[in-house]
Amino acid sequence: MTPTVAKISSLLYWRTNCATVWRYSSTRSATADRTCGVDEGTVRPQRPSTSHFVHLVDDLLDVARIATGKIKLNAELVKPRDVVNLVLDACRPEAERKSHRMTVIDETDSGLAVRGDAVQLTQVVSNLLSNTTKYMDAGGCITVRIARESEHALIEVSDTGIGIPTCFAAPRV
């Protein structure tokens, strides 16, 4: 077994176990808990952290698939503005809860389309916006800029948070 396959197998093992705990904690009934003697305080708090961990492992598995060439991208025409709008709608409740101001600057015509995988592009933008709304102090500003750079589209997310320390930042982050 190669080191990469071993790492992916280990991640799948943990993801499966976490998903089982999450599924159990979200489908159990209070009556069954009382009958079986399960303490409510033991399982309920695990649900949010388990769900977060499952998503984290899924993201790591995606990275492993990309690194090993195992991921299949479905290239299609994608409008960056449509992706941004979809993700903003999903992030808006958390942004409003934390009193963040969200601004979109579209420097393209709204018809700009690129060939790419809509699901993967949405996931990337969602991760960026979700992290900025989640980790920035209340009352911050989030700006999403859509631009054309030569033959490419650019989606840039910036905020007024403290940022990523340079020792952890990848180029162009």
N, C-alpha and C. Protein backbone atom coordinates (compact mmCIF):
# COMPACT_ATOMS: atom_id res chain seq x y z
N MET A 1 0.86 -1.18 0.00
CA MET A 1 0.00 0.00 0.00
C MET A 1 0.90 1.24 0.00
N THR A 2 0.67 2.16 -0.95
CA THR A 2 1.48 3.37 -1.01
C THR A 2 1.11 4.30 0.15
N PRO A 3 2.03 5.23 0.51
CA PRO A 3 1.72 6.17 1.60
C PRO A 3 0.45 6.98 1.35
N THR A 4 0.22 7.40 0.10
CA THR A 4 -0.97 8.19 -0.21
C THR A 4 -2.23 7.37 -0.01
N VAL A 5 -2.23 6.13 -0.48
CA VAL A 5 -3.40 5.27 -0.32
C VAL A 5 -3.64 5.00 1.16
N ALA A 6 -2.58 4.80 1.93
CA ALA A 6 -2.72 4.57 3.37
C ALA A 6 -3.34 5.78 4.05
N LYS A 7 -2.90 6.98 3.67
CA LYS A 7 -3.46 8.20 4.27
C LYS A 7 -4.94 8.34 3.91
N ILE A 8 -5.27 8.08 2.65
CA ILE A 8 -6.67 8.20 2.22
C ILE A 8 -7.52 7.16 2.95
N SER A 9 -7.00 5.93 3.09
CA SER A 9 -7.74 4.89 3.80
C SER A 9 -8.00 5.29 5.24
N SER A 10 -6.98 5.87 5.87
CA SER A 10 -7.13 6.31 7.26
C SER A 10 -8.18 7.41 7.37
N LEU A 11 -8.16 8.38 6.43
CA LEU A 11 -9.15 9.45 6.44
C LEU A 11 -10.55 8.89 6.23
N LEU A 12 -10.68 7.93 5.32
CA LEU A 12 -12.00 7.33 5.08
C LEU A 12 -12.52 6.61 6.32
N TYR A 13 -11.62 5.94 7.03
CA TYR A 13 -12.00 5.25 8.27
C TYR A 13 -12.56 6.26 9.27
N TRP A 14 -11.84 7.36 9.50
CA TRP A 14 -12.28 8.37 10.46
C TRP A 14 -13.54 9.06 9.99
N ARG A 15 -13.64 9.32 8.69
CA ARG A 15 -14.84 9.98 8.17
C ARG A 15 -16.05 9.10 8.38
N THR A 16 -15.92 7.81 8.12
CA THR A 16 -17.03 6.88 8.30
C THR A 16 -17.48 6.85 9.76
N ASN A 17 -16.53 6.78 10.68
CA ASN A 17 -16.88 6.76 12.10
C ASN A 17 -17.55 8.05 12.52
N CYS A 18 -17.03 9.19 12.07
CA CYS A 18 -17.63 10.48 12.43
C CYS A 18 -19.03 10.62 11.84
N ALA A 19 -19.19 10.16 10.62
CA ALA A 19 -20.51 10.24 9.99
C ALA A 19 -21.51 9.38 10.75
N THR A 20 -21.07 8.24 11.24
CA THR A 20 -21.95 7.37 12.02
C THR A 20 -22.39 8.05 13.31
N VAL A 21 -21.43 8.68 14.02
CA VAL A 21 -21.76 9.40 15.25
C VAL A 21 -22.72 10.54 14.94
N TRP A 22 -22.46 11.30 13.86
CA TRP A 22 -23.32 12.42 13.52
C TRP A 22 -24.73 11.94 13.18
N ARG A 23 -24.80 10.88 12.38
CA ARG A 23 -26.10 10.35 11.98
C ARG A 23 -26.86 9.85 13.22
N TYR A 24 -26.17 9.18 14.12
CA TYR A 24 -26.82 8.70 15.34
C TYR A 24 -27.33 9.87 16.18
N SER A 25 -26.50 10.90 16.30
CA SER A 25 -26.89 12.02 17.17
C SER A 25 -28.03 12.83 16.57
N SER A 26 -28.23 12.75 15.24
CA SER A 26 -29.30 13.54 14.65
C SER A 26 -30.58 12.75 14.44
N THR A 27 -30.55 11.43 14.60
CA THR A 27 -31.77 10.65 14.33
C THR A 27 -32.35 9.98 15.56
N ARG A 28 -31.66 10.07 16.66
CA ARG A 28 -32.16 9.37 17.84
C ARG A 28 -33.39 10.07 18.40
N SER A 29 -34.20 9.32 19.07
CA SER A 29 -35.38 9.91 19.69
C SER A 29 -35.15 10.05 21.19
N ALA A 30 -35.78 11.04 21.77
CA ALA A 30 -35.65 11.28 23.21
C ALA A 30 -36.18 10.09 24.00
N THR A 31 -37.25 9.47 23.51
CA THR A 31 -37.83 8.31 24.21
C THR A 31 -36.84 7.15 24.24
N ALA A 32 -36.22 6.87 23.09
CA ALA A 32 -35.24 5.78 23.03
C ALA A 32 -34.05 6.09 23.93
N ASP A 33 -33.65 7.36 23.99
CA ASP A 33 -32.53 7.74 24.85
C ASP A 33 -32.85 7.45 26.31
N ARG A 34 -34.05 7.83 26.75
CA ARG A 34 -34.44 7.60 28.15
C ARG A 34 -34.52 6.10 28.43
N THR A 35 -35.08 5.35 27.46
CA THR A 35 -35.21 3.91 27.63
C THR A 35 -33.85 3.23 27.74
N CYS A 36 -32.90 3.68 26.90
CA CYS A 36 -31.57 3.06 26.89
C CYS A 36 -30.61 3.71 27.87
N GLY A 37 -31.03 4.75 28.55
CA GLY A 37 -30.17 5.39 29.52
C GLY A 37 -29.10 6.27 28.92
N VAL A 38 -29.31 6.79 27.71
CA VAL A 38 -28.33 7.66 27.06
C VAL A 38 -28.50 9.08 27.59
N ASP A 39 -27.40 9.68 28.00
CA ASP A 39 -27.41 11.04 28.53
C ASP A 39 -27.44 12.04 27.38
N GLU A 40 -28.46 12.89 27.34
CA GLU A 40 -28.63 13.91 26.29
C GLU A 40 -27.38 14.77 26.14
N GLY A 41 -26.78 15.14 27.25
CA GLY A 41 -25.61 16.02 27.21
C GLY A 41 -24.37 15.38 26.64
N THR A 42 -24.36 14.06 26.51
CA THR A 42 -23.19 13.37 26.01
C THR A 42 -23.11 13.41 24.49
N VAL A 43 -24.24 13.24 23.82
CA VAL A 43 -24.22 13.11 22.36
C VAL A 43 -24.51 14.42 21.65
N ARG A 44 -25.47 15.21 22.10
CA ARG A 44 -25.86 16.43 21.39
C ARG A 44 -24.69 17.37 21.10
N PRO A 45 -23.81 17.67 22.08
CA PRO A 45 -22.73 18.60 21.78
C PRO A 45 -21.77 18.10 20.72
N GLN A 46 -21.76 16.79 20.47
CA GLN A 46 -20.83 16.25 19.48
C GLN A 46 -21.28 16.53 18.05
N ARG A 47 -22.57 16.79 17.85
CA ARG A 47 -23.08 16.94 16.50
C ARG A 47 -22.40 18.06 15.71
N PRO A 48 -22.34 19.31 16.19
CA PRO A 48 -21.70 20.35 15.39
C PRO A 48 -20.23 20.07 15.10
N SER A 49 -19.47 19.62 16.10
CA SER A 49 -18.05 19.39 15.87
C SER A 49 -17.84 18.18 14.97
N THR A 50 -18.69 17.16 15.08
CA THR A 50 -18.57 16.00 14.21
C THR A 50 -18.90 16.37 12.78
N SER A 51 -19.95 17.15 12.58
CA SER A 51 -20.31 17.59 11.24
C SER A 51 -19.18 18.40 10.62
N HIS A 52 -18.59 19.29 11.41
CA HIS A 52 -17.47 20.10 10.92
C HIS A 52 -16.30 19.19 10.54
N PHE A 53 -16.02 18.18 11.38
CA PHE A 53 -14.90 17.27 11.13
C PHE A 53 -15.15 16.46 9.86
N VAL A 54 -16.38 16.01 9.64
CA VAL A 54 -16.71 15.26 8.43
C VAL A 54 -16.44 16.12 7.20
N HIS A 55 -16.86 17.39 7.24
CA HIS A 55 -16.61 18.29 6.11
C HIS A 55 -15.12 18.52 5.91
N LEU A 56 -14.38 18.66 7.00
CA LEU A 56 -12.94 18.86 6.91
C LEU A 56 -12.27 17.65 6.26
N VAL A 57 -12.64 16.46 6.67
CA VAL A 57 -12.07 15.25 6.09
C VAL A 57 -12.46 15.14 4.62
N ASP A 58 -13.70 15.48 4.28
CA ASP A 58 -14.11 15.47 2.87
C ASP A 58 -13.24 16.40 2.04
N ASP A 59 -12.94 17.59 2.58
CA ASP A 59 -12.07 18.53 1.88
C ASP A 59 -10.67 17.95 1.72
N LEU A 60 -10.15 17.32 2.77
CA LEU A 60 -8.82 16.70 2.68
C LEU A 60 -8.81 15.57 1.66
N LEU A 61 -9.89 14.80 1.61
CA LEU A 61 -9.97 13.74 0.62
C LEU A 61 -9.98 14.32 -0.80
N ASP A 62 -10.67 15.44 -0.99
CA ASP A 62 -10.66 16.11 -2.30
C ASP A 62 -9.23 16.52 -2.68
N VAL A 63 -8.51 17.08 -1.72
CA VAL A 63 -7.12 17.48 -1.99
C VAL A 63 -6.29 16.25 -2.37
N ALA A 64 -6.47 15.15 -1.64
CA ALA A 64 -5.73 13.93 -1.96
C ALA A 64 -6.09 13.42 -3.35
N ARG A 65 -7.37 13.49 -3.70
CA ARG A 65 -7.79 13.04 -5.03
C ARG A 65 -7.17 13.90 -6.12
N ILE A 66 -7.14 15.21 -5.89
CA ILE A 66 -6.54 16.12 -6.87
C ILE A 66 -5.05 15.83 -7.00
N ALA A 67 -4.36 15.67 -5.86
CA ALA A 67 -2.91 15.42 -5.86
C ALA A 67 -2.55 14.13 -6.57
N THR A 68 -3.42 13.13 -6.51
CA THR A 68 -3.13 11.84 -7.14
C THR A 68 -3.78 11.70 -8.51
N GLY A 69 -4.42 12.76 -8.97
CA GLY A 69 -5.05 12.72 -10.29
C GLY A 69 -6.30 11.86 -10.33
N LYS A 70 -6.92 11.61 -9.18
CA LYS A 70 -8.09 10.73 -9.10
C LYS A 70 -9.42 11.45 -9.20
N ILE A 71 -9.40 12.77 -9.22
CA ILE A 71 -10.66 13.51 -9.26
C ILE A 71 -11.03 13.79 -10.71
N LYS A 72 -12.28 13.64 -11.01
CA LYS A 72 -12.76 13.89 -12.37
C LYS A 72 -13.50 15.23 -12.37
N LEU A 73 -13.01 16.14 -13.15
CA LEU A 73 -13.65 17.45 -13.26
C LEU A 73 -14.62 17.42 -14.43
N ASN A 74 -15.79 18.01 -14.23
CA ASN A 74 -16.80 18.10 -15.28
C ASN A 74 -16.78 19.50 -15.86
N ALA A 75 -16.01 19.67 -16.92
CA ALA A 75 -15.88 20.98 -17.54
C ALA A 75 -17.17 21.36 -18.27
N GLU A 76 -17.64 22.55 -17.95
CA GLU A 76 -18.84 23.10 -18.58
C GLU A 76 -18.72 24.61 -18.54
N LEU A 77 -19.59 25.30 -19.23
CA LEU A 77 -19.59 26.76 -19.15
C LEU A 77 -20.19 27.20 -17.82
N VAL A 78 -19.43 28.01 -17.10
CA VAL A 78 -19.83 28.47 -15.77
C VAL A 78 -19.71 29.99 -15.74
N LYS A 79 -20.74 30.64 -15.22
CA LYS A 79 -20.69 32.09 -15.04
C LYS A 79 -20.22 32.38 -13.61
N PRO A 80 -19.04 32.99 -13.47
CA PRO A 80 -18.53 33.29 -12.12
C PRO A 80 -19.52 34.07 -11.26
N ARG A 81 -20.25 35.00 -11.87
CA ARG A 81 -21.22 35.78 -11.09
C ARG A 81 -22.33 34.90 -10.52
N ASP A 82 -22.76 33.88 -11.28
CA ASP A 82 -23.79 32.97 -10.78
C ASP A 82 -23.27 32.17 -9.59
N VAL A 83 -22.01 31.73 -9.66
CA VAL A 83 -21.39 30.99 -8.56
C VAL A 83 -21.33 31.88 -7.32
N VAL A 84 -20.86 33.11 -7.49
CA VAL A 84 -20.74 34.05 -6.37
C VAL A 84 -22.11 34.31 -5.75
N ASN A 85 -23.13 34.55 -6.58
CA ASN A 85 -24.48 34.80 -6.05
C ASN A 85 -25.01 33.62 -5.25
N LEU A 86 -24.80 32.41 -5.76
CA LEU A 86 -25.26 31.21 -5.07
C LEU A 86 -24.60 31.09 -3.70
N VAL A 87 -23.29 31.30 -3.65
CA VAL A 87 -22.55 31.17 -2.39
C VAL A 87 -22.92 32.30 -1.43
N LEU A 88 -23.08 33.52 -1.95
CA LEU A 88 -23.47 34.63 -1.08
C LEU A 88 -24.82 34.36 -0.42
N ASP A 89 -25.75 33.80 -1.17
CA ASP A 89 -27.07 33.47 -0.61
C ASP A 89 -26.93 32.47 0.53
N ALA A 90 -26.03 31.50 0.37
CA ALA A 90 -25.83 30.49 1.41
C ALA A 90 -25.14 31.06 2.65
N CYS A 91 -24.23 32.01 2.46
CA CYS A 91 -23.46 32.59 3.57
C CYS A 91 -24.16 33.77 4.24
N ARG A 92 -25.16 34.31 3.58
CA ARG A 92 -25.81 35.54 4.07
C ARG A 92 -26.35 35.43 5.51
N PRO A 93 -27.02 34.35 5.89
CA PRO A 93 -27.55 34.30 7.27
C PRO A 93 -26.44 34.45 8.33
N GLU A 94 -25.32 33.76 8.14
CA GLU A 94 -24.21 33.87 9.11
C GLU A 94 -23.61 35.28 9.08
N ALA A 95 -23.47 35.85 7.88
CA ALA A 95 -22.93 37.20 7.76
C ALA A 95 -23.84 38.21 8.44
N GLU A 96 -25.14 38.07 8.27
CA GLU A 96 -26.09 38.99 8.92
C GLU A 96 -26.08 38.80 10.43
N ARG A 97 -25.97 37.55 10.88
CA ARG A 97 -25.93 37.27 12.32
C ARG A 97 -24.73 37.96 12.97
N LYS A 98 -23.62 38.04 12.22
CA LYS A 98 -22.41 38.66 12.77
C LYS A 98 -22.25 40.11 12.32
N SER A 99 -23.30 40.68 11.69
CA SER A 99 -23.31 42.08 11.23
C SER A 99 -22.17 42.40 10.27
N HIS A 100 -21.82 41.45 9.41
CA HIS A 100 -20.82 41.70 8.38
C HIS A 100 -21.48 42.43 7.20
N ARG A 101 -20.73 43.29 6.55
CA ARG A 101 -21.22 43.94 5.33
C ARG A 101 -20.58 43.22 4.14
N MET A 102 -21.40 42.76 3.20
CA MET A 102 -20.89 42.03 2.04
C MET A 102 -21.10 42.87 0.78
N THR A 103 -20.02 42.99 0.00
CA THR A 103 -20.04 43.79 -1.22
C THR A 103 -19.50 42.95 -2.37
N VAL A 104 -20.13 43.06 -3.54
CA VAL A 104 -19.63 42.39 -4.74
C VAL A 104 -19.24 43.47 -5.74
N ILE A 105 -18.03 43.36 -6.25
CA ILE A 105 -17.55 44.25 -7.31
C ILE A 105 -17.37 43.39 -8.55
N ASP A 106 -18.22 43.60 -9.53
CA ASP A 106 -18.15 42.82 -10.77
C ASP A 106 -17.58 43.71 -11.85
N GLU A 107 -16.32 43.45 -12.21
CA GLU A 107 -15.63 44.26 -13.22
C GLU A 107 -15.79 43.66 -14.61
N THR A 108 -16.65 42.68 -14.75
CA THR A 108 -16.88 42.04 -16.04
C THR A 108 -18.30 42.36 -16.49
N ASP A 109 -18.60 42.01 -17.72
CA ASP A 109 -20.01 42.05 -18.09
C ASP A 109 -20.63 40.82 -17.43
N SER A 110 -21.86 40.90 -17.09
CA SER A 110 -22.49 39.81 -16.33
C SER A 110 -22.57 38.51 -17.12
N GLY A 111 -22.26 38.56 -18.40
CA GLY A 111 -22.31 37.37 -19.23
C GLY A 111 -21.00 36.59 -19.29
N LEU A 112 -19.97 37.01 -18.54
CA LEU A 112 -18.69 36.32 -18.56
C LEU A 112 -18.89 34.86 -18.17
N ALA A 113 -18.39 33.95 -19.01
CA ALA A 113 -18.48 32.52 -18.72
C ALA A 113 -17.11 31.89 -18.98
N VAL A 114 -16.77 30.91 -18.17
CA VAL A 114 -15.52 30.18 -18.32
C VAL A 114 -15.82 28.69 -18.34
N ARG A 115 -14.87 27.91 -18.87
CA ARG A 115 -15.02 26.45 -18.81
C ARG A 115 -14.42 25.98 -17.49
N GLY A 116 -15.22 25.27 -16.73
CA GLY A 116 -14.74 24.76 -15.45
C GLY A 116 -15.78 23.85 -14.82
N ASP A 117 -15.43 23.32 -13.67
CA ASP A 117 -16.33 22.45 -12.93
C ASP A 117 -17.13 23.31 -11.96
N ALA A 118 -18.41 23.46 -12.21
CA ALA A 118 -19.26 24.34 -11.40
C ALA A 118 -19.30 23.91 -9.94
N VAL A 119 -19.34 22.61 -9.68
CA VAL A 119 -19.41 22.11 -8.31
C VAL A 119 -18.12 22.44 -7.56
N GLN A 120 -16.98 22.17 -8.19
CA GLN A 120 -15.70 22.44 -7.52
C GLN A 120 -15.48 23.94 -7.33
N LEU A 121 -15.83 24.74 -8.33
CA LEU A 121 -15.68 26.19 -8.20
C LEU A 121 -16.58 26.73 -7.09
N THR A 122 -17.80 26.23 -7.02
CA THR A 122 -18.70 26.64 -5.95
C THR A 122 -18.15 26.25 -4.59
N GLN A 123 -17.56 25.06 -4.50
CA GLN A 123 -16.99 24.61 -3.23
C GLN A 123 -15.83 25.51 -2.80
N VAL A 124 -14.97 25.90 -3.73
CA VAL A 124 -13.83 26.76 -3.40
C VAL A 124 -14.32 28.12 -2.89
N VAL A 125 -15.23 28.74 -3.63
CA VAL A 125 -15.75 30.05 -3.23
C VAL A 125 -16.51 29.94 -1.91
N SER A 126 -17.25 28.85 -1.76
CA SER A 126 -17.98 28.63 -0.51
C SER A 126 -17.03 28.50 0.68
N ASN A 127 -15.94 27.76 0.51
CA ASN A 127 -14.97 27.63 1.60
C ASN A 127 -14.38 28.98 1.97
N LEU A 128 -14.03 29.80 0.98
CA LEU A 128 -13.46 31.12 1.26
C LEU A 128 -14.45 32.01 2.00
N LEU A 129 -15.67 32.09 1.48
CA LEU A 129 -16.67 32.97 2.12
C LEU A 129 -17.13 32.44 3.47
N SER A 130 -17.26 31.14 3.57
CA SER A 130 -17.66 30.54 4.84
C SER A 130 -16.61 30.82 5.91
N ASN A 131 -15.34 30.65 5.57
CA ASN A 131 -14.27 30.91 6.54
C ASN A 131 -14.23 32.38 6.95
N THR A 132 -14.38 33.27 6.00
CA THR A 132 -14.29 34.69 6.36
C THR A 132 -15.48 35.12 7.21
N THR A 133 -16.68 34.60 6.92
CA THR A 133 -17.83 34.98 7.76
C THR A 133 -17.73 34.35 9.13
N LYS A 134 -17.19 33.15 9.19
CA LYS A 134 -17.12 32.42 10.45
C LYS A 134 -16.03 32.96 11.38
N TYR A 135 -14.86 33.28 10.84
CA TYR A 135 -13.70 33.59 11.70
C TYR A 135 -13.41 35.07 11.87
N MET A 136 -14.04 35.93 11.10
CA MET A 136 -13.81 37.37 11.25
C MET A 136 -14.66 37.90 12.40
N ASP A 137 -14.10 38.85 13.14
CA ASP A 137 -14.86 39.47 14.23
C ASP A 137 -16.12 40.13 13.69
N ALA A 138 -17.13 40.24 14.54
CA ALA A 138 -18.41 40.84 14.15
C ALA A 138 -18.21 42.25 13.61
N GLY A 139 -19.05 42.61 12.63
CA GLY A 139 -19.03 43.95 12.08
C GLY A 139 -17.99 44.16 10.99
N GLY A 140 -17.44 43.09 10.45
CA GLY A 140 -16.41 43.22 9.41
C GLY A 140 -17.00 43.44 8.03
N CYS A 141 -16.11 43.70 7.10
CA CYS A 141 -16.50 43.92 5.70
C CYS A 141 -15.89 42.82 4.83
N ILE A 142 -16.71 42.25 3.96
CA ILE A 142 -16.28 41.21 3.03
C ILE A 142 -16.52 41.74 1.62
N THR A 143 -15.48 41.65 0.79
CA THR A 143 -15.60 42.10 -0.59
C THR A 143 -15.27 40.93 -1.51
N VAL A 144 -16.15 40.69 -2.48
CA VAL A 144 -15.91 39.69 -3.50
C VAL A 144 -15.76 40.44 -4.82
N ARG A 145 -14.62 40.25 -5.46
CA ARG A 145 -14.34 40.93 -6.73
C ARG A 145 -14.29 39.88 -7.83
N ILE A 146 -15.02 40.18 -8.91
CA ILE A 146 -15.01 39.31 -10.09
C ILE A 146 -14.39 40.12 -11.22
N ALA A 147 -13.36 39.57 -11.83
CA ALA A 147 -12.65 40.30 -12.89
C ALA A 147 -12.20 39.32 -13.97
N ARG A 148 -11.79 39.90 -15.06
CA ARG A 148 -11.21 39.12 -16.16
C ARG A 148 -9.72 39.44 -16.19
N GLU A 149 -8.89 38.41 -16.22
CA GLU A 149 -7.45 38.57 -16.36
C GLU A 149 -7.03 37.80 -17.60
N SER A 150 -6.80 38.53 -18.67
CA SER A 150 -6.44 37.92 -19.94
C SER A 150 -7.51 36.92 -20.35
N GLU A 151 -7.17 35.65 -20.43
CA GLU A 151 -8.11 34.61 -20.83
C GLU A 151 -8.78 33.92 -19.64
N HIS A 152 -8.58 34.45 -18.45
CA HIS A 152 -9.07 33.80 -17.24
C HIS A 152 -10.03 34.69 -16.47
N ALA A 153 -10.86 34.06 -15.67
CA ALA A 153 -11.72 34.80 -14.74
C ALA A 153 -11.07 34.77 -13.37
N LEU A 154 -11.28 35.81 -12.61
CA LEU A 154 -10.72 35.93 -11.27
C LEU A 154 -11.85 36.17 -10.28
N ILE A 155 -11.90 35.37 -9.23
CA ILE A 155 -12.82 35.62 -8.12
C ILE A 155 -11.93 35.85 -6.91
N GLU A 156 -11.99 37.04 -6.38
CA GLU A 156 -11.11 37.42 -5.27
C GLU A 156 -11.97 37.75 -4.06
N VAL A 157 -11.64 37.14 -2.92
CA VAL A 157 -12.36 37.38 -1.67
C VAL A 157 -11.41 38.07 -0.71
N SER A 158 -11.83 39.22 -0.20
CA SER A 158 -11.01 39.92 0.80
C SER A 158 -11.92 40.36 1.94
N ASP A 159 -11.30 40.55 3.11
CA ASP A 159 -12.08 40.95 4.27
C ASP A 159 -11.22 41.80 5.18
N THR A 160 -11.84 42.33 6.23
CA THR A 160 -11.14 43.20 7.17
C THR A 160 -10.66 42.44 8.40
N GLY A 161 -10.62 41.11 8.31
CA GLY A 161 -10.13 40.29 9.42
C GLY A 161 -8.61 40.36 9.52
N ILE A 162 -8.07 39.61 10.49
CA ILE A 162 -6.63 39.67 10.74
C ILE A 162 -5.81 38.97 9.68
N GLY A 163 -6.44 38.11 8.89
CA GLY A 163 -5.74 37.47 7.79
C GLY A 163 -5.04 36.19 8.18
N ILE A 164 -4.37 35.61 7.20
CA ILE A 164 -3.63 34.37 7.39
C ILE A 164 -2.17 34.74 7.60
N PRO A 165 -1.52 34.24 8.65
CA PRO A 165 -0.10 34.53 8.85
C PRO A 165 0.69 34.13 7.60
N THR A 166 1.65 34.94 7.22
CA THR A 166 2.40 34.69 5.97
C THR A 166 3.07 33.33 5.94
N CYS A 167 3.44 32.78 7.10
CA CYS A 167 4.09 31.47 7.10
C CYS A 167 3.13 30.36 6.66
N PHE A 168 1.81 30.60 6.72
CA PHE A 168 0.82 29.60 6.31
C PHE A 168 0.21 29.91 4.96
N ALA A 169 0.39 31.10 4.46
CA ALA A 169 -0.27 31.52 3.23
C ALA A 169 0.41 30.96 2.00
N ALA A 170 -0.39 30.43 1.09
CA ALA A 170 0.11 29.99 -0.20
C ALA A 170 0.22 31.22 -1.09
N PRO A 171 0.96 31.12 -2.18
CA PRO A 171 1.01 32.25 -3.11
C PRO A 171 -0.40 32.65 -3.54
N ARG A 172 -0.63 33.92 -3.63
CA ARG A 172 -1.90 34.49 -4.05
C ARG A 172 -3.03 34.30 -3.05
N VAL A 173 -2.71 33.97 -1.79
CA VAL A 173 -3.74 33.87 -0.76
C VAL A 173 -3.75 35.18 -0.01
